[in-house]
Structures are given as structure tokens and as C-alpha cells.
Amino acid sequence: MLASSLICLVAGTGLVAASLLMPAYRLRLEVMGAGLFIAGLCLLGAELPLLR
């Protein structure tokens, strides 16, 4: 689960960064990237208490 949260964080950040290079798809990429980023944060937040 930790790996999937890190993958979501990295993929979300990558999509938002790619939106700067593709203005035609900017809104779609930012929405998908933000969703993945927030999903990664939620997964990471759920995983942290289990690691203690």
C-alpha cells in the first residue's frame, strides 16, 4: 500500500507538470493529476499509523 501511495503521488505530480507542456489538455491533466495526488496522500495517511 505504501508503494501505491508513492506511485499515485509521483504520477499526480508528473501529470500536473505535463499540463504545463500541453496547453490543449491542461485542464484534463491537472484534474487527473490532482486526483491522483490526493489519492496518494489519502493512502499514505492511512498507511502511516500501520507503520508505527
PDB file of N, CA and C in Angstrom:
ATOM      1  N   MET A   1       0.831  -1.184   0.000  1.00  0.00           N
ATOM      2  CA  MET A   1       0.000   0.000   0.000  1.00  0.00           C
ATOM      3  C   MET A   1       0.878   1.251   0.000  1.00  0.00           C
ATOM      4  N   LEU A   2       2.010   1.160   0.645  1.00  0.00           N
ATOM      5  CA  LEU A   2       2.923   2.302   0.659  1.00  0.00           C
ATOM      6  C   LEU A   2       3.446   2.595  -0.740  1.00  0.00           C
ATOM      7  N   ALA A   3       3.728   1.534  -1.480  1.00  0.00           N
ATOM      8  CA  ALA A   3       4.228   1.728  -2.842  1.00  0.00           C
ATOM      9  C   ALA A   3       3.163   2.361  -3.734  1.00  0.00           C
ATOM     10  N   SER A   4       1.921   1.938  -3.563  1.00  0.00           N
ATOM     11  CA  SER A   4       0.863   2.506  -4.400  1.00  0.00           C
ATOM     12  C   SER A   4       0.627   3.973  -4.074  1.00  0.00           C
ATOM     13  N   SER A   5       0.784   4.356  -2.810  1.00  0.00           N
ATOM     14  CA  SER A   5       0.620   5.770  -2.471  1.00  0.00           C
ATOM     15  C   SER A   5       1.746   6.602  -3.074  1.00  0.00           C
ATOM     16  N   LEU A   6       2.946   6.085  -3.062  1.00  0.00           N
ATOM     17  CA  LEU A   6       4.058   6.825  -3.670  1.00  0.00           C
ATOM     18  C   LEU A   6       3.914   6.910  -5.183  1.00  0.00           C
ATOM     19  N   ILE A   7       3.396   5.844  -5.795  1.00  0.00           N
ATOM     20  CA  ILE A   7       3.164   5.868  -7.240  1.00  0.00           C
ATOM     21  C   ILE A   7       2.110   6.905  -7.588  1.00  0.00           C
ATOM     22  N   CYS A   8       1.041   6.973  -6.781  1.00  0.00           N
ATOM     23  CA  CYS A   8      -0.005   7.979  -7.025  1.00  0.00           C
ATOM     24  C   CYS A   8       0.544   9.392  -6.865  1.00  0.00           C
ATOM     25  N   LEU A   9       1.368   9.608  -5.856  1.00  0.00           N
ATOM     26  CA  LEU A   9       1.947  10.936  -5.655  1.00  0.00           C
ATOM     27  C   LEU A   9       2.831  11.340  -6.829  1.00  0.00           C
ATOM     28  N   VAL A  10       3.685  10.431  -7.268  1.00  0.00           N
ATOM     29  CA  VAL A  10       4.601  10.736  -8.371  1.00  0.00           C
ATOM     30  C   VAL A  10       3.840  10.910  -9.684  1.00  0.00           C
ATOM     31  N   ALA A  11       2.861  10.043  -9.931  1.00  0.00           N
ATOM     32  CA  ALA A  11       2.086  10.155 -11.172  1.00  0.00           C
ATOM     33  C   ALA A  11       1.267  11.442 -11.187  1.00  0.00           C
ATOM     34  N   GLY A  12       0.690  11.801 -10.054  1.00  0.00           N
ATOM     35  CA  GLY A  12      -0.077  13.040  -9.980  1.00  0.00           C
ATOM     36  C   GLY A  12       0.785  14.259 -10.219  1.00  0.00           C
ATOM     37  N   THR A  13       1.962  14.262  -9.622  1.00  0.00           N
ATOM     38  CA  THR A  13       2.883  15.375  -9.826  1.00  0.00           C
ATOM     39  C   THR A  13       3.350  15.439 -11.280  1.00  0.00           C
ATOM     40  N   GLY A  14       3.589  14.282 -11.872  1.00  0.00           N
ATOM     41  CA  GLY A  14       4.012  14.240 -13.267  1.00  0.00           C
ATOM     42  C   GLY A  14       2.940  14.736 -14.217  1.00  0.00           C
ATOM     43  N   LEU A  15       1.680  14.386 -13.943  1.00  0.00           N
ATOM     44  CA  LEU A  15       0.599  14.853 -14.808  1.00  0.00           C
ATOM     45  C   LEU A  15       0.419  16.359 -14.716  1.00  0.00           C
ATOM     46  N   VAL A  16       0.530  16.905 -13.526  1.00  0.00           N
ATOM     47  CA  VAL A  16       0.404  18.351 -13.385  1.00  0.00           C
ATOM     48  C   VAL A  16       1.576  19.057 -14.070  1.00  0.00           C
ATOM     49  N   ALA A  17       2.763  18.483 -13.963  1.00  0.00           N
ATOM     50  CA  ALA A  17       3.911  19.079 -14.650  1.00  0.00           C
ATOM     51  C   ALA A  17       3.757  18.970 -16.163  1.00  0.00           C
ATOM     52  N   ALA A  18       3.191  17.867 -16.646  1.00  0.00           N
ATOM     53  CA  ALA A  18       2.995  17.697 -18.082  1.00  0.00           C
ATOM     54  C   ALA A  18       1.939  18.655 -18.619  1.00  0.00           C
ATOM     55  N   SER A  19       1.035  19.081 -17.754  1.00  0.00           N
ATOM     56  CA  SER A  19      -0.009  20.011 -18.209  1.00  0.00           C
ATOM     57  C   SER A  19       0.578  21.358 -18.628  1.00  0.00           C
ATOM     58  N   LEU A  20       1.735  21.681 -18.097  1.00  0.00           N
ATOM     59  CA  LEU A  20       2.379  22.932 -18.498  1.00  0.00           C
ATOM     60  C   LEU A  20       2.913  22.864 -19.925  1.00  0.00           C
ATOM     61  N   LEU A  21       3.210  21.656 -20.387  1.00  0.00           N
ATOM     62  CA  LEU A  21       3.751  21.479 -21.731  1.00  0.00           C
ATOM     63  C   LEU A  21       2.671  21.284 -22.780  1.00  0.00           C
ATOM     64  N   MET A  22       1.459  20.897 -22.348  1.00  0.00           N
ATOM     65  CA  MET A  22       0.370  20.632 -23.288  1.00  0.00           C
ATOM     66  C   MET A  22      -0.826  21.513 -22.948  1.00  0.00           C
ATOM     67  N   PRO A  23      -0.861  22.722 -23.449  1.00  0.00           N
ATOM     68  CA  PRO A  23      -1.957  23.623 -23.090  1.00  0.00           C
ATOM     69  C   PRO A  23      -3.335  23.142 -23.552  1.00  0.00           C
ATOM     70  N   ALA A  24      -3.392  22.325 -24.599  1.00  0.00           N
ATOM     71  CA  ALA A  24      -4.682  21.850 -25.089  1.00  0.00           C
ATOM     72  C   ALA A  24      -5.342  20.894 -24.093  1.00  0.00           C
ATOM     73  N   TYR A  25      -4.547  20.152 -23.373  1.00  0.00           N
ATOM     74  CA  TYR A  25      -5.062  19.175 -22.414  1.00  0.00           C
ATOM     75  C   TYR A  25      -4.841  19.615 -20.977  1.00  0.00           C
ATOM     76  N   ARG A  26      -4.590  20.876 -20.758  1.00  0.00           N
ATOM     77  CA  ARG A  26      -4.182  21.356 -19.438  1.00  0.00           C
ATOM     78  C   ARG A  26      -5.210  21.062 -18.348  1.00  0.00           C
ATOM     79  N   LEU A  27      -6.462  21.359 -18.600  1.00  0.00           N
ATOM     80  CA  LEU A  27      -7.492  21.160 -17.580  1.00  0.00           C
ATOM     81  C   LEU A  27      -7.643  19.685 -17.233  1.00  0.00           C
ATOM     82  N   ARG A  28      -7.672  18.829 -18.255  1.00  0.00           N
ATOM     83  CA  ARG A  28      -7.822  17.392 -18.004  1.00  0.00           C
ATOM     84  C   ARG A  28      -6.640  16.840 -17.221  1.00  0.00           C
ATOM     85  N   LEU A  29      -5.440  17.216 -17.632  1.00  0.00           N
ATOM     86  CA  LEU A  29      -4.257  16.701 -16.947  1.00  0.00           C
ATOM     87  C   LEU A  29      -4.170  17.199 -15.515  1.00  0.00           C
ATOM     88  N   GLU A  30      -4.544  18.447 -15.280  1.00  0.00           N
ATOM     89  CA  GLU A  30      -4.491  18.969 -13.912  1.00  0.00           C
ATOM     90  C   GLU A  30      -5.529  18.307 -13.014  1.00  0.00           C
ATOM     91  N   VAL A  31      -6.714  18.030 -13.558  1.00  0.00           N
ATOM     92  CA  VAL A  31      -7.748  17.369 -12.757  1.00  0.00           C
ATOM     93  C   VAL A  31      -7.339  15.938 -12.430  1.00  0.00           C
ATOM     94  N   MET A  32      -6.834  15.206 -13.431  1.00  0.00           N
ATOM     95  CA  MET A  32      -6.394  13.829 -13.175  1.00  0.00           C
ATOM     96  C   MET A  32      -5.198  13.811 -12.238  1.00  0.00           C
ATOM     97  N   GLY A  33      -4.267  14.738 -12.430  1.00  0.00           N
ATOM     98  CA  GLY A  33      -3.085  14.792 -11.566  1.00  0.00           C
ATOM     99  C   GLY A  33      -3.435  15.137 -10.144  1.00  0.00           C
ATOM    100  N   ALA A  34      -4.351  16.077  -9.966  1.00  0.00           N
ATOM    101  CA  ALA A  34      -4.762  16.442  -8.607  1.00  0.00           C
ATOM    102  C   ALA A  34      -5.482  15.292  -7.933  1.00  0.00           C
ATOM    103  N   GLY A  35      -6.306  14.572  -8.683  1.00  0.00           N
ATOM    104  CA  GLY A  35      -7.000  13.409  -8.112  1.00  0.00           C
ATOM    105  C   GLY A  35      -6.030  12.326  -7.676  1.00  0.00           C
ATOM    106  N   LEU A  36      -5.043  12.048  -8.517  1.00  0.00           N
ATOM    107  CA  LEU A  36      -4.040  11.043  -8.140  1.00  0.00           C
ATOM    108  C   LEU A  36      -3.211  11.500  -6.947  1.00  0.00           C
ATOM    109  N   PHE A  37      -2.879  12.783  -6.916  1.00  0.00           N
ATOM    110  CA  PHE A  37      -2.083  13.306  -5.809  1.00  0.00           C
ATOM    111  C   PHE A  37      -2.852  13.186  -4.494  1.00  0.00           C
ATOM    112  N   ILE A  38      -4.130  13.550  -4.512  1.00  0.00           N
ATOM    113  CA  ILE A  38      -4.933  13.465  -3.294  1.00  0.00           C
ATOM    114  C   ILE A  38      -5.152  12.008  -2.899  1.00  0.00           C
ATOM    115  N   ALA A  39      -5.349  11.124  -3.872  1.00  0.00           N
ATOM    116  CA  ALA A  39      -5.481   9.700  -3.556  1.00  0.00           C
ATOM    117  C   ALA A  39      -4.202   9.175  -2.918  1.00  0.00           C
ATOM    118  N   GLY A  40      -3.053   9.613  -3.426  1.00  0.00           N
ATOM    119  CA  GLY A  40      -1.781   9.202  -2.837  1.00  0.00           C
ATOM    120  C   GLY A  40      -1.623   9.696  -1.413  1.00  0.00           C
ATOM    121  N   LEU A  41      -2.051  10.939  -1.168  1.00  0.00           N
ATOM    122  CA  LEU A  41      -1.981  11.461   0.202  1.00  0.00           C
ATOM    123  C   LEU A  41      -2.898  10.698   1.142  1.00  0.00           C
ATOM    124  N   CYS A  42      -4.090  10.336   0.656  1.00  0.00           N
ATOM    125  CA  CYS A  42      -5.025   9.572   1.490  1.00  0.00           C
ATOM    126  C   CYS A  42      -4.479   8.185   1.793  1.00  0.00           C
ATOM    127  N   LEU A  43      -3.914   7.530   0.781  1.00  0.00           N
ATOM    128  CA  LEU A  43      -3.336   6.213   1.015  1.00  0.00           C
ATOM    129  C   LEU A  43      -2.157   6.290   1.977  1.00  0.00           C
ATOM    130  N   LEU A  44      -1.346   7.313   1.822  1.00  0.00           N
ATOM    131  CA  LEU A  44      -0.208   7.488   2.721  1.00  0.00           C
ATOM    132  C   LEU A  44      -0.671   7.767   4.143  1.00  0.00           C
ATOM    133  N   GLY A  45      -1.708   8.577   4.290  1.00  0.00           N
ATOM    134  CA  GLY A  45      -2.250   8.861   5.609  1.00  0.00           C
ATOM    135  C   GLY A  45      -2.856   7.640   6.265  1.00  0.00           C
ATOM    136  N   ALA A  46      -3.442   6.750   5.457  1.00  0.00           N
ATOM    137  CA  ALA A  46      -3.998   5.516   6.006  1.00  0.00           C
ATOM    138  C   ALA A  46      -2.903   4.529   6.380  1.00  0.00           C
ATOM    139  N   GLU A  47      -1.782   4.601   5.693  1.00  0.00           N
ATOM    140  CA  GLU A  47      -0.691   3.653   5.919  1.00  0.00           C
ATOM    141  C   GLU A  47       0.190   4.039   7.108  1.00  0.00           C
ATOM    142  N   LEU A  48       0.358   5.317   7.358  1.00  0.00           N
ATOM    143  CA  LEU A  48       1.298   5.757   8.398  1.00  0.00           C
ATOM    144  C   LEU A  48       1.000   5.194   9.790  1.00  0.00           C
ATOM    145  N   PRO A  49      -0.255   5.153  10.242  1.00  0.00           N
ATOM    146  CA  PRO A  49      -0.484   4.553  11.571  1.00  0.00           C
ATOM    147  C   PRO A  49      -0.125   3.075  11.631  1.00  0.00           C
ATOM    148  N   LEU A  50      -0.194   2.391  10.504  1.00  0.00           N
ATOM    149  CA  LEU A  50       0.148   0.967  10.496  1.00  0.00           C
ATOM    150  C   LEU A  50       1.653   0.735  10.557  1.00  0.00           C
ATOM    151  N   LEU A  51       2.434   1.750  10.185  1.00  0.00           N
ATOM    152  CA  LEU A  51       3.888   1.599  10.203  1.00  0.00           C
ATOM    153  C   LEU A  51       4.486   1.795  11.581  1.00  0.00           C
ATOM    154  N   ARG A  52       3.754   2.439  12.478  1.00  0.00           N
ATOM    155  CA  ARG A  52       4.284   2.715  13.815  1.00  0.00           C
ATOM    156  C   ARG A  52       4.404   1.501  14.651  1.00  0.00           C
TER     157      ARG A  52
END
